[in-house]
Amino acid sequence: MTELLRVEATGETVGEAKWHALRELEQLAPGLDKATVQFEVLSEGERGLLGVGYAPARVVATAEAGEPPEVVDGDYTDAAASLRELLEKVTSAVGVRARIDVTEDEEAVTGRLSGDDLGLLIGRHGQTIDAIQYLANVVAWREQGEGRKDVVVDAAGYRERRRETLEALADRTAEQVKASGEPAELEPMSSIERRIVHLRLQEVAGVRTSSEGEEPYRYVVVDPD
């Protein structure tokens, strides 16, 4: 049966959101026929004064993926095979049907989950997918020791979408802080997300960042410099 791929994406405009969605579909299904992609606009977005009240445009894109490529178990290294086994156990335990693709390069082993209704695996602000990734890294450390590669776990292209959202938020907040001269506190985030904000603003003149609070409610503060 042909698999139906479905992704949701955001952007400053509907056109940008569609472009992001199309890029994610192409990552999930290389060689995708773009003519078969269908878009549904969930929100055209809003642009508030000086960034206040900003809401991104949101679209859903669907397309037929065709038959998935055959996976040859022998092509997996021990690290990749271990990650695939872990992800199969996790998806089975929570009752979520997902396609699991594992790739490996010189720096990391990456597991990507695709399918419908993966929100349960992602969790609020990515807390669940971050926990799965943490568990995968603990397993890799126990099995492979200090020579292990980093393990990355993603679902439905969440990490790229969230990174873009956080970077846009960081940019708007920096402009707000420079204009007002007052510090701004962002919402509580995971350590992974806080690092994205810190890195985004570390070279921005006129602001500095720090993390405050206790886990799991630790947050980033952007101060005028």
Protein backbone atom coordinates (compact mmCIF):
# COMPACT_ATOMS: atom_id res chain seq x y z
CA MET A 1 0.00 0.00 0.00
CA THR A 2 1.28 3.46 -0.87
CA GLU A 3 2.27 5.46 2.19
CA LEU A 4 0.71 8.90 2.62
CA LEU A 5 3.13 11.41 4.03
CA ARG A 6 1.84 14.38 6.01
CA VAL A 7 3.90 17.24 7.47
CA GLU A 8 3.03 20.54 9.08
CA ALA A 9 5.29 23.56 8.67
CA THR A 10 5.41 27.25 9.53
CA GLY A 11 6.87 30.40 8.02
CA GLU A 12 6.56 34.15 8.04
CA THR A 13 4.32 33.88 4.96
CA VAL A 14 2.17 31.12 3.50
CA GLY A 15 4.63 30.77 0.63
CA GLU A 16 7.56 30.31 3.02
CA ALA A 17 5.59 27.77 5.08
CA LYS A 18 4.81 25.81 1.89
CA TRP A 19 8.49 25.85 0.94
CA HIS A 20 9.49 24.49 4.36
CA ALA A 21 6.83 21.77 4.11
CA LEU A 22 7.97 20.77 0.63
CA ARG A 23 11.59 20.56 1.78
CA GLU A 24 10.59 18.25 4.65
CA LEU A 25 8.60 16.01 2.31
CA GLU A 26 11.62 15.76 -0.01
CA GLN A 27 13.76 14.70 2.96
CA LEU A 28 11.25 12.00 3.88
CA ALA A 29 10.78 10.82 0.28
CA PRO A 30 13.75 11.57 -2.03
CA GLY A 31 12.62 11.82 -5.66
CA LEU A 32 9.18 13.03 -4.61
CA ASP A 33 6.99 14.23 -7.49
CA LYS A 34 6.24 17.82 -6.43
CA ALA A 35 3.13 17.87 -8.63
CA THR A 36 1.46 15.35 -6.29
CA VAL A 37 1.85 17.52 -3.18
CA GLN A 38 -1.34 19.02 -1.77
CA PHE A 39 -1.38 21.94 0.67
CA GLU A 40 -3.89 22.98 3.30
CA VAL A 41 -3.47 26.44 4.82
CA LEU A 42 -4.20 26.29 8.55
CA SER A 43 -3.31 29.91 9.27
CA GLU A 44 -2.14 32.82 7.14
CA GLY A 45 -0.28 34.23 10.15
CA GLU A 46 -0.29 37.60 11.83
CA ARG A 47 2.40 40.24 12.10
CA GLY A 48 2.06 42.43 15.18
CA LEU A 49 3.57 45.81 15.89
CA LEU A 50 7.35 45.54 16.52
CA GLY A 51 7.00 41.76 16.57
CA VAL A 52 4.52 41.74 19.45
CA GLY A 53 1.64 39.37 18.74
CA TYR A 54 3.46 37.73 15.85
CA ALA A 55 2.03 34.38 14.73
CA PRO A 56 3.56 32.35 11.87
CA ALA A 57 1.68 31.07 8.87
CA ARG A 58 0.92 27.33 9.14
CA VAL A 59 0.29 24.80 6.39
CA VAL A 60 -0.14 21.05 6.10
CA ALA A 61 1.32 19.28 3.07
CA THR A 62 0.45 15.73 1.99
CA ALA A 63 1.87 13.51 -0.73
CA GLU A 64 2.18 9.86 -1.66
CA ALA A 65 5.60 8.49 -0.79
CA GLY A 66 5.45 5.42 -2.99
CA GLU A 67 6.93 2.13 -1.89
CA PRO A 68 9.58 2.50 0.82
CA PRO A 69 13.05 1.27 -0.12
CA GLU A 70 14.07 -2.15 1.07
CA VAL A 71 16.20 -2.06 4.21
CA VAL A 72 19.11 -4.46 4.38
CA ASP A 73 19.99 -5.21 7.99
CA GLY A 74 23.56 -5.96 7.08
CA ASP A 75 24.12 -2.34 6.03
CA TYR A 76 23.75 -1.15 9.63
CA THR A 77 26.67 -0.70 11.99
CA ASP A 78 26.17 -1.86 15.57
CA ALA A 79 25.36 1.72 16.61
CA ALA A 80 22.73 2.18 13.91
CA ALA A 81 21.19 -1.25 14.53
CA SER A 82 21.00 -0.52 18.27
CA LEU A 83 19.23 2.81 17.64
CA ARG A 84 16.74 1.22 15.26
CA GLU A 85 15.95 -1.50 17.79
CA LEU A 86 15.40 1.09 20.52
CA LEU A 87 13.08 3.19 18.36
CA GLU A 88 11.08 0.11 17.36
CA LYS A 89 10.58 -0.72 21.05
CA VAL A 90 9.57 2.85 21.93
CA THR A 91 7.03 3.21 19.11
CA SER A 92 5.58 -0.20 19.88
CA ALA A 93 5.30 0.59 23.59
CA VAL A 94 3.37 3.83 23.03
CA GLY A 95 1.24 2.37 20.23
CA VAL A 96 2.42 4.70 17.46
CA ARG A 97 2.92 3.45 13.90
CA ALA A 98 5.90 5.14 12.30
CA ARG A 99 8.46 4.55 9.62
CA ILE A 100 11.98 4.46 11.07
CA ASP A 101 14.96 5.57 9.00
CA VAL A 102 18.45 5.41 10.49
CA THR A 103 21.42 7.11 8.88
CA GLU A 104 25.01 7.51 10.01
CA ASP A 105 27.83 9.87 9.15
CA GLU A 106 31.21 10.71 10.68
CA GLU A 107 29.70 12.71 13.55
CA ALA A 108 26.33 11.19 14.47
CA VAL A 109 23.81 8.39 14.16
CA THR A 110 20.39 9.82 13.32
CA GLY A 111 17.00 8.15 13.66
CA ARG A 112 14.09 9.80 11.85
CA LEU A 113 10.47 8.85 12.50
CA SER A 114 7.81 9.63 9.90
CA GLY A 115 4.09 8.97 9.76
CA ASP A 116 0.77 10.39 10.88
CA ASP A 117 -0.05 11.67 14.36
CA LEU A 118 3.46 11.68 15.82
CA GLY A 119 2.57 14.38 18.35
CA LEU A 120 2.63 11.81 21.14
CA LEU A 121 6.27 11.04 20.35
CA ILE A 122 7.21 14.72 20.14
CA GLY A 123 5.47 15.96 23.28
CA ARG A 124 5.02 19.54 24.48
CA HIS A 125 7.94 21.66 23.26
CA GLY A 126 9.68 18.42 22.24
CA GLN A 127 10.03 17.12 25.79
CA THR A 128 9.19 13.54 24.80
CA ILE A 129 11.43 13.38 21.74
CA ASP A 130 14.24 14.96 23.80
CA ALA A 131 13.78 12.25 26.45
CA ILE A 132 13.93 9.53 23.78
CA GLN A 133 17.11 11.07 22.38
CA TYR A 134 18.65 11.24 25.86
CA LEU A 135 17.82 7.57 26.43
CA ALA A 136 19.33 6.64 23.06
CA ASN A 137 22.57 8.44 23.98
CA VAL A 138 22.70 6.66 27.36
CA VAL A 139 22.32 3.31 25.61
CA ALA A 140 25.04 4.23 23.08
CA TRP A 141 27.38 5.23 25.92
CA ARG A 142 26.83 1.92 27.72
CA GLU A 143 27.29 -0.18 24.59
CA GLN A 144 30.10 1.69 22.85
CA GLY A 145 31.86 3.75 25.52
CA GLU A 146 33.84 6.92 24.90
CA GLY A 147 34.25 6.23 21.19
CA ARG A 148 30.53 6.49 20.56
CA LYS A 149 28.96 8.94 18.13
CA ASP A 150 26.24 11.38 19.15
CA VAL A 151 22.71 10.08 18.63
CA VAL A 152 20.00 12.32 17.19
CA VAL A 153 16.31 11.37 17.22
CA ASP A 154 13.75 13.32 15.20
CA ALA A 155 10.06 12.90 14.39
CA ALA A 156 8.22 14.37 11.39
CA GLY A 157 10.96 16.96 10.88
CA TYR A 158 10.24 18.50 14.28
CA ARG A 159 13.79 19.53 15.11
CA GLU A 160 14.30 21.64 11.99
CA ARG A 161 10.91 23.35 12.40
CA ARG A 162 11.50 24.04 16.08
CA ARG A 163 15.01 25.36 15.41
CA GLU A 164 13.68 27.82 12.84
CA THR A 165 10.92 28.93 15.23
CA LEU A 166 13.38 29.46 18.09
CA GLU A 167 15.83 31.38 15.92
CA ALA A 168 13.04 33.68 14.73
CA LEU A 169 11.93 34.16 18.35
CA ALA A 170 15.51 34.95 19.39
CA ASP A 171 15.86 37.54 16.62
CA ARG A 172 12.58 39.28 17.50
CA THR A 173 13.39 39.27 21.21
CA ALA A 174 16.84 40.75 20.60
CA GLU A 175 15.34 43.60 18.59
CA GLN A 176 12.74 44.19 21.31
CA VAL A 177 15.40 44.29 24.04
CA LYS A 178 17.63 46.68 22.08
CA ALA A 179 14.68 48.98 21.37
CA SER A 180 13.34 49.03 24.94
CA GLY A 181 16.54 48.67 26.92
CA GLU A 182 14.73 46.18 29.16
CA PRO A 183 15.53 42.47 29.62
CA ALA A 184 13.13 39.83 28.29
CA GLU A 185 12.44 36.33 29.61
CA LEU A 186 11.58 33.53 27.18
CA GLU A 187 9.36 30.56 27.96
CA PRO A 188 10.86 27.53 29.74
CA MET A 189 12.82 25.36 27.32
CA SER A 190 14.90 22.20 27.30
CA SER A 191 18.69 22.52 27.41
CA ILE A 192 18.82 21.68 23.69
CA GLU A 193 16.48 24.53 22.82
CA ARG A 194 18.17 27.00 25.14
CA ARG A 195 21.47 26.26 23.41
CA ILE A 196 19.90 27.15 20.03
CA VAL A 197 18.90 30.58 21.39
CA HIS A 198 22.29 31.19 23.00
CA LEU A 199 24.13 30.31 19.79
CA ARG A 200 21.81 32.45 17.67
CA LEU A 201 22.41 35.56 19.78
CA GLN A 202 26.03 35.11 20.84
CA GLU A 203 27.30 37.26 17.96
CA VAL A 204 24.45 39.80 18.05
CA ALA A 205 25.69 43.19 19.21
CA GLY A 206 23.79 44.92 22.00
CA VAL A 207 22.42 41.86 23.81
CA ARG A 208 23.65 39.00 25.98
CA THR A 209 21.92 35.83 27.13
CA SER A 210 21.85 33.70 30.24
CA SER A 211 19.82 30.79 31.60
CA GLU A 212 17.92 31.05 34.86
CA GLY A 213 15.50 28.95 36.91
CA GLU A 214 15.42 25.29 37.83
CA GLU A 215 14.74 22.31 35.58
CA PRO A 216 12.33 21.57 34.02
CA TYR A 217 11.34 25.26 34.05
CA ARG A 218 14.73 26.75 33.20
CA TYR A 219 14.52 29.62 30.70
CA VAL A 220 16.63 32.07 28.70
CA VAL A 221 16.93 35.73 29.65
CA VAL A 222 17.97 38.24 26.99
CA ASP A 223 19.57 41.35 28.53
CA PRO A 224 20.71 44.60 26.94
CA ASP A 225 24.50 44.66 26.72
